[in-house]
Amino acid sequence: MRGVRIRVLVSLAALSVLAAACGDDANDAGGSTGAGPTGATAATGATDSGDDPGAGSLYGGSNGMTGATGATGAKDADVSVSLNNYLFDPGTVKVGGGDVVAVRNGNARTPHTFTVVAEDVDLELAPLTTETVTIDLAPGTYELICRFHESLGMTATLKVS
């Protein structure tokens, strides 16, 4: 009986450490649509790399994207998407070809990605940042994921008309 209790206590301790590592941001509790900065300051990028050409993203890779569909500067967005509480909001993102999408990470400590599976659309967003991307994909339905949290069910659908 004592061995079972010890195993249960060790398992609970391990789960506590895992839960603490995932974090619980103050911003995780509520939705972030309509909140946060707007205008030219909203699309600031994942980091301020200054004059260091090797600074890149805080979370590996580059700030933004590569290829024909890349991160854009601060400009008016046609569609807004929020990444918060390990969810995409809205769950189905509807865009037209060439639309600019503003993607906001509403978490204070958790990075996220806005990744279109099997396509050249992959934004990495540091906590509390907004990036924009122009969607230049053929009409159809695409799977959206957060590469960091797909295993937690952070997926959505992108519909391009």
Protein backbone atom coordinates (compact mmCIF):
# COMPACT_ATOMS: atom_id res chain seq x y z
CA MET A 1 0.00 0.00 0.00
CA ARG A 2 2.86 2.35 0.85
CA GLY A 3 4.41 1.78 -2.61
CA VAL A 4 1.15 2.77 -4.30
CA ARG A 5 0.93 5.99 -2.26
CA ILE A 6 4.49 6.94 -3.16
CA ARG A 7 3.80 6.33 -6.87
CA VAL A 8 0.65 8.43 -6.72
CA LEU A 9 2.50 11.27 -4.94
CA VAL A 10 5.37 11.15 -7.44
CA SER A 11 2.90 11.19 -10.34
CA LEU A 12 1.05 14.17 -8.87
CA ALA A 13 4.32 16.02 -8.35
CA ALA A 14 5.32 15.37 -11.97
CA LEU A 15 1.94 16.62 -13.22
CA SER A 16 2.28 19.75 -11.10
CA VAL A 17 5.69 20.51 -12.59
CA LEU A 18 4.33 19.93 -16.10
CA ALA A 19 1.34 22.18 -15.48
CA ALA A 20 3.58 24.93 -14.10
CA ALA A 21 5.84 24.69 -17.15
CA CYS A 22 2.88 25.26 -19.48
CA GLY A 23 2.04 28.41 -17.53
CA ASP A 24 -1.20 30.17 -16.76
CA ASP A 25 -0.99 33.70 -18.05
CA ALA A 26 -3.26 36.39 -16.70
CA ASN A 27 -4.19 37.03 -20.33
CA ASP A 28 -5.14 33.37 -20.86
CA ALA A 29 -8.42 33.72 -18.99
CA GLY A 30 -10.24 36.01 -21.41
CA GLY A 31 -10.59 36.41 -25.11
CA SER A 32 -8.44 38.96 -26.83
CA THR A 33 -10.56 39.93 -29.79
CA GLY A 34 -10.89 43.66 -30.02
CA ALA A 35 -8.32 44.24 -27.30
CA GLY A 36 -4.70 45.28 -27.54
CA PRO A 37 -2.81 47.74 -29.66
CA THR A 38 -3.99 48.81 -33.06
CA GLY A 39 -2.54 50.70 -35.96
CA ALA A 40 1.13 50.91 -36.81
CA THR A 41 2.32 49.75 -33.40
CA ALA A 42 0.32 46.51 -33.50
CA ALA A 43 2.51 44.76 -36.08
CA THR A 44 5.81 45.06 -34.32
CA GLY A 45 7.21 41.63 -35.05
CA ALA A 46 8.39 38.92 -32.69
CA THR A 47 11.53 40.69 -31.51
CA ASP A 48 13.40 43.91 -31.92
CA SER A 49 16.54 42.57 -33.52
CA GLY A 50 18.19 45.98 -33.84
CA ASP A 51 21.39 45.89 -35.87
CA ASP A 52 22.05 42.21 -35.16
CA PRO A 53 21.29 40.36 -38.42
CA GLY A 54 21.45 37.02 -36.58
CA ALA A 55 18.98 37.96 -33.85
CA GLY A 56 16.01 36.12 -35.38
CA SER A 57 13.07 34.89 -33.36
CA LEU A 58 13.10 34.23 -29.65
CA TYR A 59 11.81 30.73 -30.38
CA GLY A 60 13.99 29.52 -33.24
CA GLY A 61 13.73 30.14 -36.95
CA SER A 62 13.30 33.61 -38.33
CA ASN A 63 10.98 36.47 -37.54
CA GLY A 64 8.13 35.94 -39.91
CA MET A 65 8.24 33.78 -42.99
CA THR A 66 10.02 32.99 -46.18
CA GLY A 67 8.77 32.57 -49.71
CA ALA A 68 6.08 34.35 -51.69
CA THR A 69 3.66 34.52 -48.77
CA GLY A 70 5.62 36.49 -46.22
CA ALA A 71 5.13 38.63 -43.17
CA THR A 72 4.24 42.16 -44.06
CA GLY A 73 4.83 45.46 -42.36
CA ALA A 74 2.18 47.43 -40.51
CA LYS A 75 -0.81 47.80 -42.80
CA ASP A 76 -4.53 47.51 -42.46
CA ALA A 77 -5.67 43.91 -42.13
CA ASP A 78 -8.66 42.40 -43.91
CA VAL A 79 -9.06 39.65 -41.27
CA SER A 80 -7.97 39.33 -37.62
CA VAL A 81 -7.09 36.12 -35.78
CA SER A 82 -6.33 35.74 -32.09
CA LEU A 83 -4.18 33.00 -30.58
CA ASN A 84 -5.11 32.60 -26.92
CA ASN A 85 -5.91 29.82 -24.41
CA TYR A 86 -4.40 27.31 -26.88
CA LEU A 87 -7.15 28.17 -29.39
CA PHE A 88 -7.49 30.02 -32.68
CA ASP A 89 -10.26 32.64 -32.64
CA PRO A 90 -12.12 32.30 -34.92
CA GLY A 91 -11.86 28.52 -35.34
CA THR A 92 -12.55 28.90 -39.07
CA VAL A 93 -10.65 31.77 -40.67
CA LYS A 94 -12.28 32.91 -43.93
CA VAL A 95 -10.16 34.94 -46.36
CA GLY A 96 -10.06 35.89 -50.00
CA GLY A 97 -6.94 35.48 -52.11
CA GLY A 98 -4.51 38.31 -51.34
CA ASP A 99 -6.16 39.23 -48.02
CA VAL A 100 -3.96 40.51 -45.21
CA VAL A 101 -4.45 38.65 -41.93
CA ALA A 102 -3.44 40.20 -38.61
CA VAL A 103 -2.47 37.46 -36.16
CA ARG A 104 -2.28 38.41 -32.47
CA ASN A 105 -0.78 36.28 -29.71
CA GLY A 106 -2.84 37.23 -26.66
CA ASN A 107 -0.78 35.22 -24.18
CA ALA A 108 1.63 37.04 -21.87
CA ARG A 109 4.22 34.22 -21.64
CA THR A 110 3.37 31.61 -24.26
CA PRO A 111 4.66 31.77 -27.86
CA HIS A 112 2.45 30.46 -30.66
CA THR A 113 2.65 29.89 -34.40
CA PHE A 114 0.16 30.54 -37.18
CA THR A 115 1.06 27.71 -39.56
CA VAL A 116 -0.80 26.55 -42.66
CA VAL A 117 0.02 22.85 -42.99
CA ALA A 118 1.98 21.94 -46.14
CA GLU A 119 2.09 25.56 -47.33
CA ASP A 120 4.64 28.38 -47.05
CA VAL A 121 2.74 30.22 -44.31
CA ASP A 122 4.40 29.97 -40.90
CA LEU A 123 4.46 32.89 -38.45
CA GLU A 124 6.10 32.62 -35.04
CA LEU A 125 4.63 35.03 -32.53
CA ALA A 126 6.27 35.94 -29.26
CA PRO A 127 3.94 36.67 -26.35
CA LEU A 128 1.68 39.72 -26.79
CA THR A 129 2.78 40.48 -30.35
CA THR A 130 0.91 40.90 -33.62
CA GLU A 131 2.17 39.99 -37.08
CA THR A 132 0.49 40.33 -40.45
CA VAL A 133 0.63 37.95 -43.38
CA THR A 134 -0.78 38.12 -46.90
CA ILE A 135 -2.58 34.92 -47.86
CA ASP A 136 -1.74 34.12 -51.48
CA LEU A 137 -3.09 30.58 -51.63
CA ALA A 138 -5.36 28.92 -54.17
CA PRO A 139 -9.04 28.72 -53.19
CA GLY A 140 -9.69 25.80 -50.88
CA THR A 141 -9.68 24.60 -47.29
CA TYR A 142 -6.42 24.36 -45.36
CA GLU A 143 -5.44 23.13 -41.91
CA LEU A 144 -4.10 25.73 -39.47
CA ILE A 145 -1.96 24.67 -36.51
CA CYS A 146 0.26 26.06 -33.82
CA ARG A 147 3.43 23.99 -34.27
CA PHE A 148 4.21 24.40 -30.56
CA HIS A 149 0.78 23.27 -29.31
CA GLU A 150 -0.79 21.08 -31.99
CA SER A 151 -0.61 18.13 -29.57
CA LEU A 152 -2.84 20.16 -27.22
CA GLY A 153 -5.46 20.52 -29.96
CA MET A 154 -4.44 24.02 -31.12
CA THR A 155 -5.78 23.66 -34.66
CA ALA A 156 -8.20 25.54 -36.88
CA THR A 157 -9.36 25.78 -40.49
CA LEU A 158 -8.40 28.35 -43.14
CA LYS A 159 -10.91 28.78 -45.99
CA VAL A 160 -9.67 30.72 -49.00
CA SER A 161 -12.28 31.86 -51.53
